[in-house]
Amino acid sequence: MQRVCLALPTMRSCPGTIVDLAEEAAYAVETFGAEVHLLILDTTDATDAGGFVKNADAVASLAPAAGVFVHHLGEAQQREFFRRVAERSGAADPGLLLEMMVPRAVAYGSCVNRVFLGAAALGCTSVHLRNDDADFQVLDGRKVFPIHHELLSIGRPAGEAVAGVTRSELDPADADKPVMLVSGSFMGELNVDIGEIRELDPEVYREVVRLWTPPVWPDEDRDAMVDMSFKGTGTEPFTADHSVLGVPDIWDVFMCNVALDHRAYEVLPLLPSTETLGCDYALLHALVHSRMPGVVHNRHIVNYYTPERRTGAGFIPYQMGFVKLLLSMLYLYPVYGGMIDLGRDLLDERHGLKVEPILALVRGSVDWDRAGNEHCLDVLDRSYRKLGGKYAELADVVAGRRQQLLDEAQEDARRWAVLVEAWAGMVAAARAEGLRPGAAAADGVVGAAG
């Protein structure tokens, strides 16, 4: 029986999402006969009367379903588990590994890395990632679950996966390679909440978004990337299934609507940057640029904005996450470019990702010239002050943290290299530690099985 991990990392109250994912898990069992572990990694403040408690109540209210196991881990339980994993990994500095896995601040790459190790501990062969600020589409009163396409193909030899797609662009030479990536996209709001900048001044928006495009590209390519960025798949609703097998385009995959095979995520962890948007795509780049076959489907999720990111208290932290995303690209683009150059040389003779060339790229990016990030902050300062109002206040915050932001971006790249090197040991330790279905709720794990 295929054992899979349907995962929801969250830092907010989302009982409705938990109920939806339990339905998706039950659908996977009924349709494919899979064993599904719904893993909810919840860093909602336990003292918040409306946060963790609401999520825990939603978990407790789920009806038992045969083949579905629900695991809800709070921050303290996660910290204890990953402390044991880090110590068991044999790494020289387990304290640093724990800090990267469960930092005190929001870290999108770290929360997904925790999912990857949680899946290894549960003995799962694939991870199916979802988000807490997205809904499923609905057709004829039924939710449109992405796991349908994911379980048709994930982990299977590409030549066999042909039978489950509506169109194949597979190179016959790739028929024996496993499908390690299945993804849809999203519709609805921009997946980075910067649409207000475009409404206030389209030219400022273009100048700001251009900062995240590869500086070595020709101007016309950078402008085309601006037009594509953060927009998803448009507004056309789902009416019938369509899926394509072949080498995906990086623009057609979305980290919150994706299935990944364990032979991918057990090799390469994501960038453990704190308070940084969009730092969780490196593994998708590795799979796409290595020319591995994957499946892209049209069961897109519907992205929406949670209110706190636009409030007085939430505006500055969210937008600082976007600033840090822009700064992180100085270190990510050399890695992505190197992956493109290596292409199929990123794969070993068994069609798996090789960590050594990726680690060399990550290490090589650490001491990249900071001039590009100095320029980035100069442009942001000018742009935000032109917008005025709360954006001028944002410019003041960025200016006050300028040196810290430059240092943090470089330190994030350095830490990523440390984590990549330690990852195999972390995976083995997580597998040895295990997460047992049906463990007591006092241990932070709730097992629901029929």
Protein backbone atom coordinates (compact mmCIF):
# COMPACT_ATOMS: atom_id res chain seq x y z
CA MET A 1 0.00 0.00 0.00
CA GLN A 2 1.28 3.47 -0.92
CA ARG A 3 1.90 5.55 2.23
CA VAL A 4 1.79 9.29 1.60
CA CYS A 5 2.03 12.49 3.65
CA LEU A 6 -0.59 15.20 3.02
CA ALA A 7 0.95 18.17 4.77
CA LEU A 8 -0.23 21.48 6.16
CA PRO A 9 2.34 23.77 7.80
CA THR A 10 0.47 26.61 9.49
CA MET A 11 1.01 29.55 11.82
CA ARG A 12 -2.63 30.68 12.09
CA SER A 13 -6.09 29.46 12.97
CA CYS A 14 -7.38 27.45 9.99
CA PRO A 15 -10.01 24.92 11.12
CA GLY A 16 -11.77 25.03 7.75
CA THR A 17 -8.58 24.10 5.91
CA ILE A 18 -8.01 21.18 8.27
CA VAL A 19 -11.50 19.85 7.53
CA ASP A 20 -10.92 20.26 3.78
CA LEU A 21 -7.64 18.37 3.90
CA ALA A 22 -9.19 15.57 5.90
CA GLU A 23 -11.72 15.26 3.07
CA GLU A 24 -8.90 15.19 0.53
CA ALA A 25 -7.16 12.47 2.54
CA ALA A 26 -10.33 10.38 2.64
CA TYR A 27 -10.75 10.87 -1.12
CA ALA A 28 -7.21 9.56 -1.66
CA VAL A 29 -7.93 6.46 0.39
CA GLU A 30 -11.25 5.77 -1.30
CA THR A 31 -10.02 6.42 -4.84
CA PHE A 32 -6.48 5.05 -4.75
CA GLY A 33 -6.33 2.80 -1.72
CA ALA A 34 -3.48 4.84 -0.26
CA GLU A 35 -2.59 5.17 3.42
CA VAL A 36 -2.64 8.90 4.08
CA HIS A 37 -0.91 10.67 6.95
CA LEU A 38 -2.30 14.18 7.37
CA LEU A 39 0.57 16.04 9.02
CA ILE A 40 -0.30 19.44 10.53
CA LEU A 41 2.75 21.31 11.76
CA ASP A 42 1.25 24.13 13.78
CA THR A 43 3.31 27.02 15.12
CA THR A 44 0.28 29.09 16.13
CA ASP A 45 0.90 30.74 19.48
CA ALA A 46 -0.36 28.25 22.06
CA THR A 47 -1.40 31.16 24.31
CA ASP A 48 -3.65 32.58 21.60
CA ALA A 49 -7.16 31.57 22.64
CA GLY A 50 -8.32 31.60 19.03
CA GLY A 51 -5.36 29.96 17.31
CA PHE A 52 -3.88 26.62 18.29
CA VAL A 53 -6.96 25.69 20.30
CA LYS A 54 -9.25 26.14 17.30
CA ASN A 55 -6.99 24.00 15.14
CA ALA A 56 -6.81 21.32 17.82
CA ASP A 57 -10.60 21.38 18.16
CA ALA A 58 -10.92 20.92 14.39
CA VAL A 59 -8.62 17.91 14.53
CA ALA A 60 -10.50 16.43 17.46
CA SER A 61 -13.82 16.84 15.64
CA LEU A 62 -12.72 14.89 12.55
CA ALA A 63 -14.62 11.66 12.08
CA PRO A 64 -12.36 8.60 12.06
CA ALA A 65 -11.71 7.38 8.53
CA ALA A 66 -10.13 4.10 7.50
CA GLY A 67 -6.64 4.63 6.13
CA VAL A 68 -6.35 8.24 7.32
CA PHE A 69 -4.02 9.16 10.20
CA VAL A 70 -3.99 12.71 11.51
CA HIS A 71 -0.93 14.13 13.28
CA HIS A 72 -1.17 17.61 14.84
CA LEU A 73 2.11 18.84 16.30
CA GLY A 74 2.46 22.12 18.14
CA GLU A 75 5.65 24.11 18.24
CA ALA A 76 6.91 22.59 21.50
CA GLN A 77 6.38 19.05 20.22
CA GLN A 78 8.10 19.91 16.95
CA ARG A 79 11.05 21.43 18.75
CA GLU A 80 11.52 18.34 20.90
CA PHE A 81 11.28 15.95 17.93
CA PHE A 82 13.73 17.91 15.80
CA ARG A 83 16.10 18.32 18.73
CA ARG A 84 16.31 14.52 18.94
CA VAL A 85 16.74 14.28 15.17
CA ALA A 86 19.52 16.88 15.12
CA GLU A 87 21.38 15.18 17.96
CA ARG A 88 20.97 11.77 16.36
CA SER A 89 22.14 13.01 12.94
CA GLY A 90 25.81 13.00 13.90
CA ALA A 91 26.30 16.62 12.81
CA ALA A 92 29.00 18.69 14.48
CA ASP A 93 26.57 21.41 15.60
CA PRO A 94 23.11 19.95 16.33
CA GLY A 95 22.11 23.20 18.03
CA LEU A 96 22.53 25.10 14.78
CA LEU A 97 20.53 22.46 12.91
CA LEU A 98 17.70 22.76 15.43
CA GLU A 99 17.77 26.55 15.08
CA MET A 100 17.45 26.20 11.30
CA MET A 101 14.67 23.62 11.57
CA VAL A 102 12.54 25.38 14.21
CA PRO A 103 13.56 29.04 14.29
CA ARG A 104 11.87 31.53 16.57
CA ALA A 105 10.67 33.51 13.56
CA VAL A 106 8.53 32.64 10.54
CA ALA A 107 10.53 30.59 8.01
CA TYR A 108 8.74 29.15 4.98
CA GLY A 109 11.63 26.96 3.87
CA SER A 110 12.13 25.63 7.40
CA CYS A 111 8.49 24.66 7.85
CA VAL A 112 8.57 22.66 4.61
CA ASN A 113 11.86 21.07 5.66
CA ARG A 114 10.09 19.96 8.84
CA VAL A 115 7.39 18.41 6.66
CA PHE A 116 10.04 16.53 4.67
CA LEU A 117 11.60 15.04 7.81
CA GLY A 118 8.18 14.34 9.30
CA ALA A 119 7.29 12.37 6.17
CA ALA A 120 10.54 10.43 6.47
CA ALA A 121 9.74 9.67 10.11
CA LEU A 122 6.30 8.38 9.08
CA GLY A 123 7.77 6.14 6.39
CA CYS A 124 5.98 7.98 3.58
CA THR A 125 7.11 7.83 -0.04
CA SER A 126 5.77 11.24 -1.06
CA VAL A 127 4.77 14.63 0.33
CA HIS A 128 1.67 16.49 -0.87
CA LEU A 129 1.91 20.13 0.19
CA ARG A 130 -1.02 22.47 0.82
CA ASN A 131 -1.36 25.95 2.31
CA ASP A 132 -3.59 27.58 4.92
CA ASP A 133 -4.54 30.56 2.74
CA ALA A 134 -5.99 28.71 -0.24
CA ASP A 135 -9.26 26.95 -1.09
CA PHE A 136 -10.07 24.09 -3.41
CA GLN A 137 -12.12 24.78 -6.51
CA VAL A 138 -15.58 23.23 -6.62
CA LEU A 139 -17.30 21.55 -9.58
CA ASP A 140 -20.89 20.31 -9.37
CA GLY A 141 -20.79 20.62 -5.61
CA ARG A 142 -17.61 18.58 -5.19
CA LYS A 143 -14.20 19.86 -4.22
CA VAL A 144 -11.51 19.48 -6.89
CA PHE A 145 -8.67 17.73 -5.06
CA PRO A 146 -5.13 17.97 -6.54
CA ILE A 147 -4.20 14.65 -4.92
CA HIS A 148 -6.15 12.96 -7.73
CA HIS A 149 -3.45 13.75 -10.30
CA GLU A 150 -0.66 13.44 -7.76
CA LEU A 151 -1.40 9.84 -6.87
CA LEU A 152 -1.90 8.86 -10.49
CA SER A 153 1.76 9.63 -11.20
CA ILE A 154 4.01 10.41 -8.24
CA GLY A 155 6.86 7.93 -7.84
CA ARG A 156 5.94 5.86 -10.89
CA PRO A 157 8.27 5.38 -13.87
CA ALA A 158 7.36 8.04 -16.39
CA GLY A 159 6.60 5.42 -19.01
CA GLU A 160 3.87 4.03 -16.75
CA ALA A 161 2.57 7.49 -15.81
CA VAL A 162 1.62 8.09 -19.45
CA ALA A 163 -1.57 6.13 -18.83
CA GLY A 164 -2.76 8.65 -16.22
CA VAL A 165 -2.35 11.93 -18.14
CA THR A 166 -4.33 13.55 -20.92
CA ARG A 167 -1.24 14.49 -22.93
CA SER A 168 2.32 13.20 -22.99
CA GLU A 169 5.38 15.12 -24.15
CA LEU A 170 7.68 12.50 -22.67
CA ASP A 171 11.02 11.88 -24.32
CA PRO A 172 11.13 8.08 -24.80
CA ALA A 173 14.64 8.13 -23.35
CA ASP A 174 13.11 9.28 -20.03
CA ALA A 175 10.56 6.46 -19.73
CA ASP A 176 12.46 4.72 -16.92
CA LYS A 177 12.92 7.87 -14.84
CA PRO A 178 10.58 8.28 -11.86
CA VAL A 179 8.02 11.08 -11.71
CA MET A 180 9.22 13.04 -8.68
CA LEU A 181 7.17 16.21 -9.24
CA VAL A 182 3.43 16.66 -9.83
CA SER A 183 2.03 20.17 -9.57
CA GLY A 184 -0.82 22.48 -10.34
CA SER A 185 -0.83 26.25 -10.03
CA PHE A 186 -3.15 28.74 -8.37
CA MET A 187 -5.75 31.30 -9.29
CA GLY A 188 -7.06 34.29 -7.39
CA GLU A 189 -4.87 36.88 -5.67
CA LEU A 190 -1.19 37.38 -6.50
CA ASN A 191 0.78 34.87 -4.46
CA VAL A 192 2.83 37.76 -3.07
CA ASP A 193 0.70 40.58 -1.70
CA ILE A 194 2.15 43.51 -3.64
CA GLY A 195 -0.85 44.29 -5.87
CA GLU A 196 -1.45 47.53 -4.01
CA ILE A 197 1.89 48.84 -5.30
CA ARG A 198 0.70 48.21 -8.86
CA GLU A 199 -2.55 50.04 -8.13
CA LEU A 200 -0.72 53.03 -6.68
CA ASP A 201 1.94 53.32 -9.40
CA PRO A 202 2.36 50.72 -12.17
CA GLU A 203 5.83 51.98 -13.02
CA VAL A 204 7.05 51.67 -9.46
CA TYR A 205 5.59 48.16 -9.40
CA ARG A 206 7.50 47.27 -12.54
CA GLU A 207 10.75 48.68 -11.17
CA VAL A 208 10.37 46.84 -7.86
CA VAL A 209 9.41 43.47 -9.35
CA ARG A 210 12.23 43.80 -11.86
CA LEU A 211 14.60 43.55 -8.89
CA TRP A 212 13.84 39.87 -8.54
CA THR A 213 14.60 39.01 -12.15
CA PRO A 214 18.05 37.63 -13.07
CA PRO A 215 20.29 40.66 -13.69
CA VAL A 216 22.26 38.82 -16.39
CA TRP A 217 19.16 38.42 -18.56
CA PRO A 218 18.46 40.75 -21.50
CA ASP A 219 16.07 43.59 -20.70
CA GLU A 220 13.23 42.15 -22.77
CA ASP A 221 13.41 38.85 -20.88
CA ARG A 222 13.44 40.60 -17.53
CA ASP A 223 10.41 42.66 -18.55
CA ALA A 224 8.59 39.53 -19.67
CA MET A 225 9.32 37.93 -16.29
CA VAL A 226 7.84 40.97 -14.54
CA ASP A 227 4.63 40.49 -16.51
CA MET A 228 4.44 36.81 -15.49
CA SER A 229 5.50 37.04 -11.89
CA PHE A 230 3.22 36.14 -8.97
CA LYS A 231 0.10 35.82 -11.15
CA GLY A 232 -0.67 32.11 -11.28
CA THR A 233 -2.87 30.69 -13.98
CA GLY A 234 -5.55 33.33 -14.55
CA THR A 235 -9.25 33.18 -13.76
CA GLU A 236 -10.69 30.33 -15.85
CA PRO A 237 -12.39 27.89 -13.44
CA PHE A 238 -11.93 24.14 -13.53
CA THR A 239 -14.36 22.29 -15.80
CA ALA A 240 -12.53 19.07 -16.73
CA ASP A 241 -9.19 17.42 -16.00
CA HIS A 242 -6.15 18.19 -18.11
CA SER A 243 -2.65 16.99 -17.32
CA VAL A 244 0.66 16.93 -19.19
CA LEU A 245 3.61 14.60 -18.68
CA GLY A 246 7.02 15.92 -19.67
CA VAL A 247 9.68 18.30 -18.39
CA PRO A 248 7.70 21.04 -16.59
CA ASP A 249 8.30 24.75 -16.94
CA ILE A 250 9.24 26.33 -13.62
CA TRP A 251 6.38 28.81 -14.12
CA ASP A 252 3.81 26.00 -14.11
CA VAL A 253 4.63 24.62 -10.66
CA PHE A 254 3.55 26.03 -7.32
CA MET A 255 4.96 25.02 -3.96
CA CYS A 256 1.56 25.01 -2.21
CA ASN A 257 -0.06 22.71 -4.78
CA VAL A 258 2.60 20.08 -5.30
CA ALA A 259 3.53 16.45 -4.72
CA LEU A 260 7.18 15.50 -4.32
CA ASP A 261 8.73 12.05 -4.28
CA HIS A 262 10.94 11.14 -1.33
CA ARG A 263 13.89 10.62 -3.69
CA ALA A 264 13.80 14.38 -4.22
CA TYR A 265 13.12 15.91 -0.80
CA GLU A 266 15.37 13.46 1.03
CA VAL A 267 18.31 14.82 -1.01
CA LEU A 268 17.86 18.61 -0.98
CA PRO A 269 16.40 20.77 1.83
CA LEU A 270 15.06 24.25 1.22
CA LEU A 271 16.68 27.55 2.16
CA PRO A 272 16.09 28.06 5.93
CA SER A 273 15.72 31.86 5.72
CA THR A 274 13.59 33.53 8.37
CA GLU A 275 10.92 36.14 7.59
CA THR A 276 11.57 35.69 3.86
CA LEU A 277 8.84 35.11 1.30
CA GLY A 278 9.32 32.68 -1.59
CA CYS A 279 12.49 31.00 -0.33
CA ASP A 280 11.06 27.50 -0.70
CA TYR A 281 11.43 26.79 -4.43
CA ALA A 282 14.99 25.44 -4.73
CA LEU A 283 13.91 21.80 -4.92
CA LEU A 284 11.47 22.55 -7.72
CA HIS A 285 14.26 24.28 -9.62
CA ALA A 286 16.53 21.26 -9.16
CA LEU A 287 13.93 18.87 -10.55
CA VAL A 288 12.97 21.08 -13.47
CA HIS A 289 16.52 22.05 -14.44
CA SER A 290 17.72 18.44 -14.25
CA ARG A 291 15.15 17.71 -16.96
CA MET A 292 13.32 15.15 -14.85
CA PRO A 293 9.87 14.20 -16.14
CA GLY A 294 6.98 15.57 -14.14
CA VAL A 295 3.25 16.13 -14.44
CA VAL A 296 1.51 19.50 -14.56
CA HIS A 297 -2.27 19.50 -14.06
CA ASN A 298 -5.14 21.98 -13.89
CA ARG A 299 -6.58 21.26 -10.45
CA HIS A 300 -5.45 24.71 -9.38
CA ILE A 301 -6.09 26.00 -5.87
CA VAL A 302 -7.63 29.40 -5.14
CA ASN A 303 -5.26 31.79 -3.36
CA TYR A 304 -6.63 34.41 -0.98
CA TYR A 305 -5.16 36.94 1.43
CA THR A 306 -5.36 36.63 5.18
CA PRO A 307 -6.21 39.97 6.80
CA GLU A 308 -3.23 40.35 9.13
CA ARG A 309 -0.77 41.07 6.31
CA ARG A 310 -2.57 44.33 5.47
CA THR A 311 -3.16 45.61 9.00
CA GLY A 312 -1.04 48.25 10.68
CA ALA A 313 0.73 45.61 12.75
CA GLY A 314 1.12 43.15 9.90
CA PHE A 315 1.97 45.37 6.94
CA ILE A 316 5.63 46.09 7.74
CA PRO A 317 6.60 42.48 8.64
CA TYR A 318 4.94 41.09 5.51
CA GLN A 319 6.53 43.63 3.19
CA MET A 320 9.91 43.09 4.86
CA GLY A 321 9.49 39.45 3.87
CA PHE A 322 9.24 40.60 0.27
CA VAL A 323 12.36 42.76 0.67
CA LYS A 324 14.25 39.75 2.01
CA LEU A 325 12.99 37.66 -0.92
CA LEU A 326 14.56 40.15 -3.32
CA LEU A 327 17.85 40.06 -1.42
CA SER A 328 17.90 36.26 -1.33
CA MET A 329 17.93 36.08 -5.11
CA LEU A 330 21.54 37.31 -5.19
CA TYR A 331 22.49 33.94 -3.72
CA LEU A 332 19.80 31.79 -5.32
CA TYR A 333 20.26 32.80 -8.95
CA PRO A 334 23.87 31.55 -9.15
CA VAL A 335 22.59 28.21 -7.83
CA TYR A 336 19.67 28.09 -10.27
CA GLY A 337 21.89 29.13 -13.15
CA GLY A 338 24.38 26.43 -12.26
CA MET A 339 21.57 23.89 -12.18
CA ILE A 340 20.54 24.92 -15.69
CA ASP A 341 24.12 24.54 -16.91
CA LEU A 342 24.47 21.10 -15.31
CA GLY A 343 21.11 19.87 -16.59
CA ARG A 344 20.99 16.07 -16.59
CA ASP A 345 24.40 15.97 -14.92
CA LEU A 346 22.49 16.71 -11.71
CA LEU A 347 21.27 13.08 -11.86
CA ASP A 348 23.06 9.90 -10.93
CA GLU A 349 22.95 6.61 -12.82
CA ARG A 350 19.73 5.67 -10.99
CA HIS A 351 18.06 8.94 -12.06
CA GLY A 352 18.26 10.43 -8.57
CA LEU A 353 19.42 13.93 -7.67
CA LYS A 354 23.11 14.17 -6.78
CA VAL A 355 23.70 16.36 -3.77
CA GLU A 356 27.41 17.02 -4.43
CA PRO A 357 27.09 19.38 -7.42
CA ILE A 358 24.20 21.21 -5.75
CA LEU A 359 26.17 21.65 -2.54
CA ALA A 360 29.10 23.01 -4.56
CA LEU A 361 26.77 25.58 -6.16
CA VAL A 362 25.34 26.61 -2.80
CA ARG A 363 28.78 27.01 -1.26
CA GLY A 364 29.95 28.97 -4.28
CA SER A 365 27.16 31.50 -3.91
CA VAL A 366 27.92 32.44 -0.31
CA ASP A 367 30.61 35.00 -1.07
CA TRP A 368 28.87 36.57 -4.06
CA ASP A 369 29.52 40.29 -4.49
CA ARG A 370 26.98 42.26 -2.43
CA ALA A 371 26.87 45.13 -4.91
CA GLY A 372 23.68 43.75 -6.43
CA ASN A 373 21.93 43.83 -3.07
CA GLU A 374 23.24 47.32 -2.32
CA HIS A 375 21.63 48.41 -5.59
CA CYS A 376 18.43 46.56 -4.72
CA LEU A 377 18.05 48.43 -1.44
CA ASP A 378 18.76 51.75 -3.15
CA VAL A 379 15.98 51.14 -5.68
CA LEU A 380 13.55 50.03 -2.99
CA ASP A 381 14.26 53.12 -0.90
CA ARG A 382 13.57 55.39 -3.86
CA SER A 383 10.47 53.46 -4.92
CA TYR A 384 8.85 53.23 -1.50
CA ARG A 385 9.41 56.92 -0.80
CA LYS A 386 7.81 57.77 -4.13
CA LEU A 387 4.68 55.85 -3.08
CA GLY A 388 4.58 57.73 0.23
CA GLY A 389 2.36 57.02 3.22
CA LYS A 390 2.91 53.64 4.83
CA TYR A 391 5.45 52.79 2.12
CA ALA A 392 7.59 55.74 3.19
CA GLU A 393 7.44 54.29 6.71
CA LEU A 394 8.51 50.95 5.22
CA ALA A 395 11.44 52.72 3.54
CA ASP A 396 12.53 54.06 6.93
CA VAL A 397 12.45 50.55 8.43
CA VAL A 398 14.45 49.12 5.53
CA ALA A 399 17.00 51.92 5.76
CA GLY A 400 17.37 51.39 9.50
CA ARG A 401 18.06 47.69 9.00
CA ARG A 402 20.14 48.01 5.85
CA GLN A 403 23.37 46.43 7.08
CA GLN A 404 21.49 43.77 9.03
CA LEU A 405 19.49 42.82 5.93
CA LEU A 406 22.63 42.50 3.84
CA ASP A 407 24.31 40.37 6.48
CA GLU A 408 21.26 38.16 7.00
CA ALA A 409 20.91 37.38 3.31
CA GLN A 410 24.51 36.18 3.17
CA GLU A 411 24.19 34.26 6.44
CA ASP A 412 21.07 32.51 5.13
CA ALA A 413 23.08 31.28 2.15
CA ARG A 414 25.86 30.06 4.43
CA ARG A 415 23.41 28.22 6.67
CA TRP A 416 21.77 26.60 3.67
CA ALA A 417 25.12 25.08 2.74
CA VAL A 418 25.46 23.70 6.28
CA LEU A 419 21.96 22.21 6.12
CA VAL A 420 22.45 20.65 2.68
CA GLU A 421 25.62 18.95 3.91
CA ALA A 422 23.86 17.63 7.02
CA TRP A 423 20.61 16.66 5.33
CA ALA A 424 21.27 12.98 4.64
CA GLY A 425 22.09 12.45 8.31
CA MET A 426 18.95 14.35 9.33
CA VAL A 427 16.78 12.20 7.07
CA ALA A 428 18.27 8.98 8.44
CA ALA A 429 17.82 10.21 12.01
CA ALA A 430 14.19 11.20 11.40
CA ARG A 431 13.46 7.80 9.91
CA ALA A 432 15.07 6.13 12.91
CA GLU A 433 13.17 8.31 15.40
CA GLY A 434 9.82 7.73 13.74
CA LEU A 435 6.42 9.32 14.31
CA ARG A 436 3.97 6.68 15.39
CA PRO A 437 0.37 6.87 14.17
CA GLY A 438 -2.08 6.79 16.98
CA ALA A 439 0.37 8.18 19.55
CA ALA A 440 -1.16 9.85 22.59
CA ALA A 441 -2.49 13.37 22.22
CA ALA A 442 -0.30 14.37 25.17
CA ASP A 443 2.70 13.71 22.95
CA GLY A 444 1.40 16.25 20.44
CA VAL A 445 0.26 13.64 17.91
CA VAL A 446 -3.36 12.73 17.35
CA GLY A 447 -3.97 9.50 15.46
CA ALA A 448 -7.32 9.03 13.74
CA ALA A 449 -7.75 5.69 12.08
CA GLY A 450 -10.78 3.66 11.26
